[in-house]
Amino acid sequence: MIHKRLSIVGITGLIGLSSLLGAGPAQAREPGEQAEPPRVELVLDVSGSMRAADIDGETRIAVAKRAFNEVVDALPETTYLGIRVLGATYPGDNKKTGCKDTQQIVEVGPVDRNAAKDAIAGLKPTGFTPVGLALREAAKDLGDSGSVRRIVLITDGEDTCTPPDPCAVARELAAQGTKLVVDTLGLAPDEKTRKQLVCISTATGGTFTAAQSQEELTDRVKQLVDRAAVPPPVAPAAVTGAEDCQSAPLLAPGVYTDREKIGEHRYYRVPVQSGQELRASVSVALDRQVSRDYGVLMKAATADGRELVRGSDAGSGRADVLSAGLRWSGDEEPSPQASDDADDGEQKVTTDVCLIVSNSFASNTAASAPGMPLELSIDVVDASHTPDAPGLGRGWLLLLVLGLAGLVAGVLAGWLTRWWVATWRDN
């Protein structure tokens, strides 16, 4: 029963996980504006290994089919669903031919429950496991529209057709900046398969799911159901940092995504007026194995390279995300290259602050491209000045109070000591 529900968890991700990420710019939707429907494609492994009867005495494909039917019945009417299979048609031993065996059996569109069930019902485990190719084709199936674009990959084994390597394909899709997320589900996965599926999901900001106990399975289902009720967050806008401040993109307050290679520096510019405060943070996700002892650095500098402030974070190799942040006020150090803008008769100095994001990652095996995914958050608010101290007359009143307190304490201590000595002698 545990393994039967395992498949239900993965496919239920079509519902729960599809609401987590949108594909629009980093701006809230206007009131009354209709969001495009979420677009989800199920990629199902129908390779020969799915014939294994190790899930409560039933084959893996039989359990997957039954779970899929239950989830199709529960899908919201607004979801656009597509189905792609791999290893479903070629029964031969020619690897070159078998590694091209992937087809879309249901086009992405409004849910047709009967058509979806009929398409799955006739599947029989057959051939090879071209996961990388199937992911690449599934991304094409989904196109580049939709408030949510998600692939749910269900497989019981690792890719047997590399190249293309499925993890490299996932990084390739993430680097395109199309906000496509791949969630993976391992049916009775071994350690090698688990690592590959984790790599695929991590590279695209998705999740990997496997259950080892009924308690874990129950908790996971609850999480997915809870997430389904949460409105999609504002999606970050894609931006490409430059190699220097002069050519850096000018950013308004908002949330942005970019990718940074190992040891690279990325430059961005933010205009800050006098009387305003810049608040910025960056989070870098580790989507591949890196060496221990690394860090992320964020600096604010003037256009001529003079550093204003910095923030950093360091890791030992156990964290999945590193973050750094900083604050800088436009009143602290106006830039020599600042410009004056008239505002209600008052002159305000605008400083183009350069934000520099760099890292100290190192890796002997991981490919440098595409870079690590990063999320940049920028806000410009009214400067929050430190409040003045209470009126102590520039410290003279405080000094007088401390002097009087010291005098009284000294007199009391001397009197008590004299009294104690006199009493001791009398006794």
Protein backbone atom coordinates (compact mmCIF):
# COMPACT_ATOMS: atom_id res chain seq x y z
CA MET A 1 0.00 0.00 0.00
CA ILE A 2 2.90 2.30 0.76
CA HIS A 3 4.35 1.91 -2.72
CA LYS A 4 0.95 2.35 -4.35
CA ARG A 5 0.61 5.71 -2.70
CA LEU A 6 4.15 6.59 -3.76
CA SER A 7 3.03 6.96 -7.35
CA ILE A 8 0.06 9.01 -6.22
CA VAL A 9 2.43 11.42 -4.49
CA GLY A 10 4.48 12.01 -7.59
CA ILE A 11 1.60 12.57 -9.93
CA THR A 12 -0.27 14.63 -7.34
CA GLY A 13 2.65 17.01 -7.84
CA LEU A 14 0.80 17.98 -11.01
CA ILE A 15 -1.72 19.66 -8.75
CA GLY A 16 0.21 20.79 -5.71
CA LEU A 17 3.53 21.80 -7.22
CA SER A 18 2.10 23.48 -10.27
CA SER A 19 0.99 26.44 -8.18
CA LEU A 20 4.41 27.25 -6.76
CA LEU A 21 6.07 29.18 -9.56
CA GLY A 22 4.82 31.61 -12.19
CA ALA A 23 6.42 32.74 -15.42
CA GLY A 24 5.62 36.46 -15.49
CA PRO A 25 7.89 39.43 -14.79
CA ALA A 26 8.77 40.55 -11.27
CA GLN A 27 5.67 42.65 -10.92
CA ALA A 28 2.31 41.94 -9.34
CA ARG A 29 -0.58 41.30 -11.72
CA GLU A 30 -2.96 44.17 -12.21
CA PRO A 31 -6.33 43.76 -10.48
CA GLY A 32 -8.77 41.89 -12.68
CA GLU A 33 -6.08 40.64 -15.04
CA GLN A 34 -6.53 36.98 -15.95
CA ALA A 35 -3.55 34.69 -15.45
CA GLU A 36 -2.72 32.17 -18.14
CA PRO A 37 -3.63 28.61 -17.11
CA PRO A 38 -0.89 26.41 -15.65
CA ARG A 39 0.69 24.04 -18.18
CA VAL A 40 1.91 20.68 -16.88
CA GLU A 41 3.36 17.71 -18.73
CA LEU A 42 3.66 14.26 -17.24
CA VAL A 43 6.71 12.37 -18.49
CA LEU A 44 6.25 8.68 -17.73
CA ASP A 45 8.96 6.02 -17.97
CA VAL A 46 7.59 2.96 -19.78
CA SER A 47 10.93 1.21 -20.24
CA GLY A 48 11.40 -2.51 -19.69
CA SER A 49 12.31 -2.13 -16.02
CA MET A 50 8.77 -0.95 -15.26
CA ARG A 51 7.69 -4.61 -15.62
CA ALA A 52 9.28 -5.39 -12.26
CA ALA A 53 6.64 -6.74 -9.85
CA ASP A 54 8.17 -5.41 -6.63
CA ILE A 55 5.45 -3.03 -5.37
CA ASP A 56 3.23 -5.16 -3.17
CA GLY A 57 3.40 -7.94 -5.77
CA GLU A 58 2.25 -5.68 -8.63
CA THR A 59 4.25 -4.25 -11.51
CA ARG A 60 5.47 -0.67 -11.27
CA ILE A 61 3.59 0.33 -14.41
CA ALA A 62 0.28 -1.04 -13.08
CA VAL A 63 0.60 0.98 -9.87
CA ALA A 64 1.58 4.10 -11.83
CA LYS A 65 -1.45 3.76 -14.14
CA ARG A 66 -3.92 3.37 -11.28
CA ALA A 67 -2.45 6.32 -9.38
CA PHE A 68 -2.51 8.44 -12.54
CA ASN A 69 -6.22 7.79 -13.07
CA GLU A 70 -7.04 8.94 -9.54
CA VAL A 71 -5.08 12.15 -9.95
CA VAL A 72 -6.60 12.94 -13.35
CA ASP A 73 -10.03 12.83 -11.71
CA ALA A 74 -8.88 15.43 -9.17
CA LEU A 75 -7.14 17.86 -11.57
CA PRO A 76 -8.63 21.39 -11.66
CA GLU A 77 -10.47 22.27 -14.87
CA THR A 78 -8.09 25.20 -15.40
CA THR A 79 -5.00 22.98 -15.70
CA TYR A 80 -3.56 22.34 -19.17
CA LEU A 81 -2.22 18.78 -19.17
CA GLY A 82 0.04 16.91 -21.56
CA ILE A 83 1.52 13.40 -21.44
CA ARG A 84 4.83 12.20 -22.87
CA VAL A 85 6.24 8.70 -22.55
CA LEU A 86 9.70 7.25 -23.02
CA GLY A 87 10.72 3.68 -23.85
CA ALA A 88 7.15 2.77 -24.83
CA THR A 89 7.30 1.60 -28.46
CA TYR A 90 10.66 0.06 -29.47
CA PRO A 91 11.16 -3.54 -28.24
CA GLY A 92 14.46 -4.22 -30.01
CA ASP A 93 18.12 -4.18 -28.94
CA ASN A 94 19.39 -1.42 -31.25
CA LYS A 95 20.40 1.24 -28.75
CA LYS A 96 20.64 4.00 -31.34
CA THR A 97 17.00 3.45 -32.27
CA GLY A 98 15.80 2.74 -28.74
CA CYS A 99 17.32 5.95 -27.41
CA LYS A 100 15.06 7.99 -29.69
CA ASP A 101 11.94 6.33 -28.29
CA THR A 102 9.88 9.15 -26.79
CA GLN A 103 6.44 10.37 -27.90
CA GLN A 104 3.83 12.85 -26.76
CA ILE A 105 0.62 10.83 -26.48
CA VAL A 106 -1.58 13.68 -25.20
CA GLU A 107 -1.01 17.26 -26.37
CA VAL A 108 -0.86 20.02 -23.75
CA GLY A 109 -4.35 21.49 -23.45
CA PRO A 110 -7.54 21.55 -21.33
CA VAL A 111 -7.94 18.36 -19.33
CA ASP A 112 -9.79 15.64 -21.23
CA ARG A 113 -10.04 13.00 -18.51
CA ASN A 114 -11.28 10.13 -20.69
CA ALA A 115 -8.66 10.75 -23.39
CA ALA A 116 -5.87 10.92 -20.82
CA LYS A 117 -6.93 7.66 -19.16
CA ASP A 118 -7.31 5.87 -22.48
CA ALA A 119 -3.84 6.98 -23.59
CA ILE A 120 -2.25 5.59 -20.44
CA ALA A 121 -4.28 2.37 -20.34
CA GLY A 122 -2.65 0.83 -23.40
CA LEU A 123 0.98 1.39 -22.37
CA LYS A 124 3.26 -1.64 -21.97
CA PRO A 125 6.86 -1.56 -20.63
CA THR A 126 9.11 -2.01 -23.63
CA GLY A 127 12.49 -0.40 -24.24
CA PHE A 128 15.31 1.92 -23.22
CA THR A 129 15.26 4.96 -20.88
CA PRO A 130 16.09 8.19 -22.81
CA VAL A 131 15.34 10.58 -19.92
CA GLY A 132 17.47 13.47 -21.21
CA LEU A 133 15.86 13.48 -24.65
CA ALA A 134 12.37 13.19 -23.15
CA LEU A 135 12.95 16.21 -20.91
CA ARG A 136 14.17 18.31 -23.82
CA GLU A 137 11.15 17.38 -25.93
CA ALA A 138 8.74 17.94 -23.02
CA ALA A 139 10.02 21.51 -22.68
CA LYS A 140 9.16 22.06 -26.35
CA ASP A 141 5.71 20.58 -25.77
CA LEU A 142 4.96 23.12 -23.04
CA GLY A 143 6.00 26.11 -25.14
CA ASP A 144 6.88 29.41 -23.49
CA SER A 145 3.47 30.55 -22.19
CA GLY A 146 1.40 29.78 -19.11
CA SER A 147 1.38 31.13 -15.58
CA VAL A 148 3.03 27.84 -14.52
CA ARG A 149 5.14 25.54 -16.70
CA ARG A 150 6.06 22.28 -15.04
CA ILE A 151 7.33 18.83 -15.98
CA VAL A 152 6.72 15.89 -13.65
CA LEU A 153 9.10 13.03 -14.44
CA ILE A 154 8.21 9.59 -13.10
CA THR A 155 10.88 6.92 -13.56
CA ASP A 156 12.25 3.86 -11.83
CA GLY A 157 15.82 4.04 -13.13
CA GLU A 158 18.57 6.23 -14.47
CA ASP A 159 19.03 7.29 -18.07
CA THR A 160 20.42 4.47 -20.24
CA CYS A 161 20.92 6.67 -23.31
CA THR A 162 23.43 9.38 -22.29
CA PRO A 163 24.15 11.63 -24.15
CA PRO A 164 22.35 13.87 -23.65
CA ASP A 165 22.92 13.70 -19.91
CA PRO A 166 19.56 14.47 -18.20
CA CYS A 167 21.17 16.62 -15.52
CA ALA A 168 22.93 18.69 -18.19
CA VAL A 169 19.62 19.02 -20.05
CA ALA A 170 17.96 20.30 -16.85
CA ARG A 171 20.68 22.95 -16.43
CA GLU A 172 20.28 23.84 -20.10
CA LEU A 173 16.53 24.38 -19.62
CA ALA A 174 17.08 26.43 -16.46
CA ALA A 175 19.66 28.63 -18.21
CA GLN A 176 17.13 29.57 -20.88
CA GLY A 177 15.32 31.69 -18.28
CA THR A 178 11.90 30.35 -19.24
CA LYS A 179 10.85 29.57 -15.66
CA LEU A 180 10.38 25.88 -16.39
CA VAL A 181 10.49 23.60 -13.34
CA VAL A 182 11.09 19.84 -13.39
CA ASP A 183 9.88 17.73 -10.45
CA THR A 184 11.11 14.14 -10.26
CA LEU A 185 9.68 11.03 -8.66
CA GLY A 186 11.70 7.87 -8.18
CA LEU A 187 9.80 4.56 -8.07
CA ALA A 188 11.86 2.25 -5.85
CA PRO A 189 15.03 4.17 -6.85
CA ASP A 190 18.53 2.94 -6.12
CA GLU A 191 21.21 5.39 -4.94
CA LYS A 192 22.52 6.14 -8.44
CA THR A 193 19.04 6.88 -9.75
CA ARG A 194 18.25 9.03 -6.71
CA LYS A 195 21.34 11.18 -7.29
CA GLN A 196 20.43 11.71 -10.94
CA LEU A 197 16.83 12.67 -10.14
CA VAL A 198 17.93 15.04 -7.39
CA CYS A 199 20.34 16.70 -9.81
CA ILE A 200 17.56 17.19 -12.39
CA SER A 201 15.09 18.70 -9.93
CA THR A 202 17.63 20.89 -8.13
CA ALA A 203 18.92 22.41 -11.36
CA THR A 204 15.45 23.72 -12.22
CA GLY A 205 14.19 24.60 -8.73
CA GLY A 206 11.96 21.54 -8.54
CA THR A 207 11.64 18.74 -6.00
CA PHE A 208 12.57 15.08 -5.79
CA THR A 209 10.17 12.71 -4.04
CA ALA A 210 10.65 9.19 -2.72
CA ALA A 211 8.97 7.56 0.24
CA GLN A 212 10.51 5.05 2.61
CA SER A 213 7.73 4.82 5.17
CA GLN A 214 4.01 5.46 5.55
CA GLU A 215 4.71 8.40 7.84
CA GLU A 216 6.97 10.07 5.27
CA LEU A 217 4.40 9.47 2.56
CA THR A 218 1.55 10.94 4.62
CA ASP A 219 3.55 14.04 5.49
CA ARG A 220 4.50 14.56 1.85
CA VAL A 221 0.90 14.31 0.64
CA LYS A 222 -0.18 16.86 3.26
CA GLN A 223 2.55 19.24 2.12
CA LEU A 224 1.42 19.01 -1.51
CA VAL A 225 -2.22 19.58 -0.57
CA ASP A 226 -1.29 22.59 1.56
CA ARG A 227 0.84 24.07 -1.20
CA ALA A 228 -1.99 23.75 -3.69
CA ALA A 229 -3.97 26.29 -1.64
CA VAL A 230 -1.18 28.88 -1.71
CA PRO A 231 -1.43 31.49 -4.52
CA PRO A 232 1.52 31.55 -6.92
CA PRO A 233 4.22 34.00 -5.79
CA VAL A 234 5.46 36.83 -7.95
CA ALA A 235 7.96 35.36 -10.39
CA PRO A 236 11.40 37.01 -10.53
CA ALA A 237 12.32 38.79 -13.74
CA ALA A 238 15.25 37.44 -15.73
CA VAL A 239 18.28 39.73 -15.96
CA THR A 240 21.85 39.31 -17.16
CA GLY A 241 24.59 40.90 -15.07
CA ALA A 242 27.55 42.53 -16.82
CA GLU A 243 31.32 42.20 -16.43
CA ASP A 244 31.74 45.82 -15.29
CA CYS A 245 29.72 48.63 -13.80
CA GLN A 246 29.58 50.80 -16.92
CA SER A 247 27.71 48.18 -18.95
CA ALA A 248 25.66 46.79 -16.04
CA PRO A 249 21.84 46.72 -16.38
CA LEU A 250 19.96 49.45 -14.48
CA LEU A 251 17.51 47.80 -12.08
CA ALA A 252 14.41 49.14 -10.35
CA PRO A 253 13.21 47.70 -7.04
CA GLY A 254 12.07 44.11 -7.55
CA VAL A 255 13.18 40.49 -7.64
CA TYR A 256 15.49 39.20 -10.38
CA THR A 257 17.11 35.94 -11.42
CA ASP A 258 20.46 35.39 -13.08
CA ARG A 259 23.15 32.70 -13.25
CA GLU A 260 26.75 33.09 -12.12
CA LYS A 261 29.63 30.82 -13.03
CA ILE A 262 32.17 29.57 -10.51
CA GLY A 263 34.56 32.39 -9.57
CA GLU A 264 32.65 34.95 -11.64
CA HIS A 265 31.69 38.56 -10.79
CA ARG A 266 28.29 39.94 -11.87
CA TYR A 267 27.57 43.70 -11.95
CA TYR A 268 24.21 45.49 -11.65
CA ARG A 269 23.30 49.18 -11.16
CA VAL A 270 20.63 50.69 -8.92
CA PRO A 271 19.83 54.47 -8.79
CA VAL A 272 19.59 55.76 -5.19
CA GLN A 273 18.65 59.34 -4.30
CA SER A 274 19.76 61.28 -1.28
CA GLY A 275 17.32 60.59 1.53
CA GLN A 276 16.83 57.02 0.29
CA GLU A 277 18.27 53.72 1.48
CA LEU A 278 19.24 50.78 -0.71
CA ARG A 279 18.46 47.32 0.64
CA ALA A 280 19.71 44.40 -1.43
CA SER A 281 20.22 40.68 -0.95
CA VAL A 282 21.32 37.77 -3.10
CA SER A 283 20.81 34.02 -2.74
CA VAL A 284 22.87 31.53 -4.75
CA ALA A 285 21.64 27.94 -5.06
CA LEU A 286 24.14 25.10 -5.30
CA ASP A 287 22.82 23.03 -8.20
CA ARG A 288 25.97 20.90 -8.47
CA GLN A 289 28.70 19.49 -6.25
CA VAL A 290 31.32 22.01 -5.19
CA SER A 291 34.37 21.84 -2.96
CA ARG A 292 34.12 22.63 0.74
CA ASP A 293 34.78 26.08 2.22
CA TYR A 294 33.24 28.65 -0.08
CA GLY A 295 31.39 31.94 0.19
CA VAL A 296 29.18 34.49 -1.53
CA LEU A 297 30.02 38.20 -1.47
CA MET A 298 27.80 41.17 -2.31
CA LYS A 299 29.32 44.66 -2.51
CA ALA A 300 27.97 48.13 -3.22
CA ALA A 301 30.37 50.51 -4.94
CA THR A 302 30.37 53.79 -6.83
CA ALA A 303 30.69 53.90 -10.60
CA ASP A 304 34.41 54.66 -10.27
CA GLY A 305 35.01 51.54 -8.14
CA ARG A 306 35.02 53.03 -4.63
CA GLU A 307 33.52 50.49 -2.23
CA LEU A 308 30.61 51.69 -0.10
CA VAL A 309 29.56 48.62 1.89
CA ARG A 310 29.70 44.84 1.67
CA GLY A 311 27.93 41.76 2.97
CA SER A 312 29.11 38.17 2.81
CA ASP A 313 28.19 34.63 3.78
CA ALA A 314 30.35 31.55 3.96
CA GLY A 315 29.59 27.83 3.88
CA SER A 316 31.36 24.61 4.72
CA GLY A 317 29.82 22.50 1.98
CA ARG A 318 26.61 21.43 3.71
CA ALA A 319 24.28 24.27 2.73
CA ASP A 320 22.10 24.23 -0.40
CA VAL A 321 21.71 28.01 -0.60
CA LEU A 322 24.02 30.85 0.40
CA SER A 323 22.75 34.39 0.95
CA ALA A 324 24.31 37.80 1.52
CA GLY A 325 22.76 41.23 2.00
CA LEU A 326 23.60 44.88 2.55
CA ARG A 327 22.11 48.30 3.31
CA TRP A 328 23.39 51.70 2.17
CA SER A 329 21.91 55.17 2.55
CA GLY A 330 22.12 57.81 -0.17
CA ASP A 331 23.12 60.36 2.49
CA GLU A 332 26.24 58.49 3.57
CA GLU A 333 28.68 59.06 0.71
CA PRO A 334 27.41 60.80 -2.42
CA SER A 335 29.17 59.61 -5.52
CA PRO A 336 31.42 62.04 -7.43
CA GLN A 337 29.57 60.90 -10.57
CA ALA A 338 26.12 61.53 -9.08
CA SER A 339 23.57 63.66 -10.92
CA ASP A 340 21.17 66.31 -9.55
CA ASP A 341 17.43 65.89 -10.09
CA ALA A 342 14.95 68.66 -9.28
CA ASP A 343 12.13 67.53 -7.00
CA ASP A 344 9.58 70.13 -5.84
CA GLY A 345 12.26 72.81 -5.90
CA GLU A 346 14.76 70.74 -3.92
CA GLN A 347 17.99 69.36 -5.33
CA LYS A 348 18.37 65.61 -4.81
CA VAL A 349 21.57 63.78 -5.59
CA THR A 350 21.09 60.48 -7.45
CA THR A 351 23.85 57.92 -7.15
CA ASP A 352 24.13 54.97 -9.49
CA VAL A 353 25.21 52.31 -7.01
CA CYS A 354 26.98 49.30 -8.50
CA LEU A 355 26.00 45.98 -6.94
CA ILE A 356 28.67 43.33 -7.37
CA VAL A 357 27.90 39.66 -6.70
CA SER A 358 30.84 37.25 -6.58
CA ASN A 359 31.60 33.80 -5.19
CA SER A 360 34.49 31.63 -4.07
CA PHE A 361 33.15 28.30 -5.31
CA ALA A 362 35.56 25.68 -6.59
CA SER A 363 35.00 22.35 -8.30
CA ASN A 364 37.22 19.86 -10.04
CA THR A 365 34.42 18.02 -11.83
CA ALA A 366 31.38 20.26 -12.29
CA ALA A 367 30.93 22.06 -15.58
CA SER A 368 31.24 25.85 -15.38
CA ALA A 369 28.26 26.53 -17.66
CA PRO A 370 25.51 27.30 -17.09
CA GLY A 371 26.27 29.19 -13.92
CA MET A 372 24.77 28.76 -10.48
CA PRO A 373 21.19 30.10 -10.24
CA LEU A 374 20.95 33.27 -8.16
CA GLU A 375 18.06 35.42 -7.00
CA LEU A 376 18.59 39.13 -6.46
CA SER A 377 16.20 41.18 -4.32
CA ILE A 378 16.37 44.99 -4.49
CA ASP A 379 14.40 47.63 -2.61
CA VAL A 380 14.84 51.40 -2.24
CA VAL A 381 13.09 53.01 0.73
CA ASP A 382 13.24 56.23 2.73
CA ALA A 383 16.46 56.36 4.71
CA SER A 384 16.11 55.20 8.31
CA HIS A 385 18.39 57.49 10.28
CA THR A 386 19.63 56.54 13.73
CA PRO A 387 17.62 58.53 16.31
CA ASP A 388 19.44 61.16 18.37
CA ALA A 389 20.29 60.38 21.98
CA PRO A 390 18.18 61.96 24.77
CA GLY A 391 18.98 65.58 25.60
CA LEU A 392 21.99 65.22 27.89
CA GLY A 393 23.60 68.53 27.06
CA ARG A 394 26.28 66.93 24.87
CA GLY A 395 27.25 64.57 27.67
CA TRP A 396 27.71 67.12 30.49
CA LEU A 397 24.51 66.13 32.23
CA LEU A 398 25.46 62.46 32.03
CA LEU A 399 28.92 63.26 33.40
CA LEU A 400 27.39 65.22 36.30
CA VAL A 401 25.00 62.37 37.12
CA LEU A 402 27.82 59.82 37.07
CA GLY A 403 30.01 62.08 39.25
CA LEU A 404 27.31 62.57 41.86
CA ALA A 405 26.51 58.86 41.86
CA GLY A 406 30.19 58.04 42.36
CA LEU A 407 30.51 60.55 45.21
CA VAL A 408 27.47 59.21 47.03
CA ALA A 409 28.64 55.62 46.55
CA GLY A 410 32.11 56.50 47.87
CA VAL A 411 30.77 58.28 50.97
CA LEU A 412 28.42 55.39 51.78
CA ALA A 413 31.17 52.81 51.29
CA GLY A 414 33.55 54.80 53.57
CA TRP A 415 30.96 55.27 56.29
CA LEU A 416 30.00 51.58 56.28
CA THR A 417 33.65 50.53 56.42
CA ARG A 418 34.39 52.87 59.37
CA TRP A 419 31.31 51.61 61.23
CA TRP A 420 32.28 47.97 60.67
CA VAL A 421 35.88 48.56 61.90
CA ALA A 422 34.67 50.37 65.00
CA THR A 423 32.21 47.59 65.81
CA TRP A 424 34.86 44.91 65.30
CA ARG A 425 37.26 46.63 67.75
CA ASP A 426 34.61 46.97 70.46
CA ASN A 427 33.90 43.27 70.24
